[in-house]
Protein backbone atom coordinates (compact mmCIF):
# COMPACT_ATOMS: atom_id res chain seq x y z
CA MET A 1 17.60 -6.73 -10.32
CA SER A 2 14.40 -7.76 -8.54
CA HIS A 3 12.07 -5.38 -6.75
CA ILE A 4 12.10 -5.07 -2.98
CA LYS A 5 8.86 -6.27 -1.37
CA VAL A 6 7.65 -4.25 1.61
CA GLY A 7 4.63 -4.03 3.87
CA ILE A 8 3.47 -0.76 5.39
CA ASN A 9 2.36 -0.81 9.02
CA GLY A 10 -0.07 2.10 9.35
CA PHE A 11 -1.46 4.24 6.56
CA GLY A 12 -1.36 7.63 8.25
CA ARG A 13 0.65 10.62 7.05
CA ILE A 14 4.00 8.82 6.95
CA GLY A 15 2.57 5.58 5.56
CA ARG A 16 0.95 7.43 2.66
CA LEU A 17 4.19 9.28 1.91
CA VAL A 18 6.16 6.02 1.90
CA PHE A 19 3.55 4.39 -0.34
CA ARG A 20 3.63 7.29 -2.81
CA ALA A 21 7.44 7.27 -2.92
CA ALA A 22 7.47 3.49 -3.44
CA VAL A 23 4.99 3.67 -6.32
CA GLU A 24 6.80 6.57 -8.00
CA SER A 25 10.22 4.90 -7.73
CA GLY A 26 9.12 1.70 -9.45
CA LYS A 27 11.78 -0.24 -7.52
CA VAL A 28 9.59 -1.30 -4.60
CA ASP A 29 6.53 -3.59 -4.50
CA VAL A 30 4.10 -2.80 -1.69
CA VAL A 31 2.57 -6.19 -0.89
CA ALA A 32 0.57 -5.33 2.25
CA ILE A 33 -0.80 -2.37 4.19
CA ASN A 34 -1.79 -2.93 7.82
CA GLU A 35 -4.29 -0.29 8.94
CA PRO A 36 -6.84 -1.39 11.54
CA PHE A 37 -9.04 1.72 11.13
CA MET A 38 -9.39 1.45 7.34
CA SER A 39 -12.60 -0.12 6.10
CA VAL A 40 -12.82 -2.40 3.08
CA GLY A 41 -14.90 0.25 1.28
CA LEU A 42 -11.85 2.51 1.07
CA HIS A 43 -9.92 -0.03 -0.97
CA GLY A 44 -12.29 0.09 -3.91
CA VAL A 45 -15.06 -2.04 -5.26
CA GLN A 46 -14.47 -5.77 -5.51
CA PRO A 47 -15.43 -6.99 -8.99
CA GLN A 48 -18.31 -9.44 -9.21
CA VAL A 49 -17.34 -12.76 -10.78
């Protein structure tokens, strides 16, 4: 059976809980997170090519 693809709108308290549950279950693929107040620096360092 294929994984369910979801996007999370907001990465506050509930968004983080949903993300953690999705990752731990292994049955859900989080394909997008929409958070207007999150800066790119919080996502990690982009590798130099």
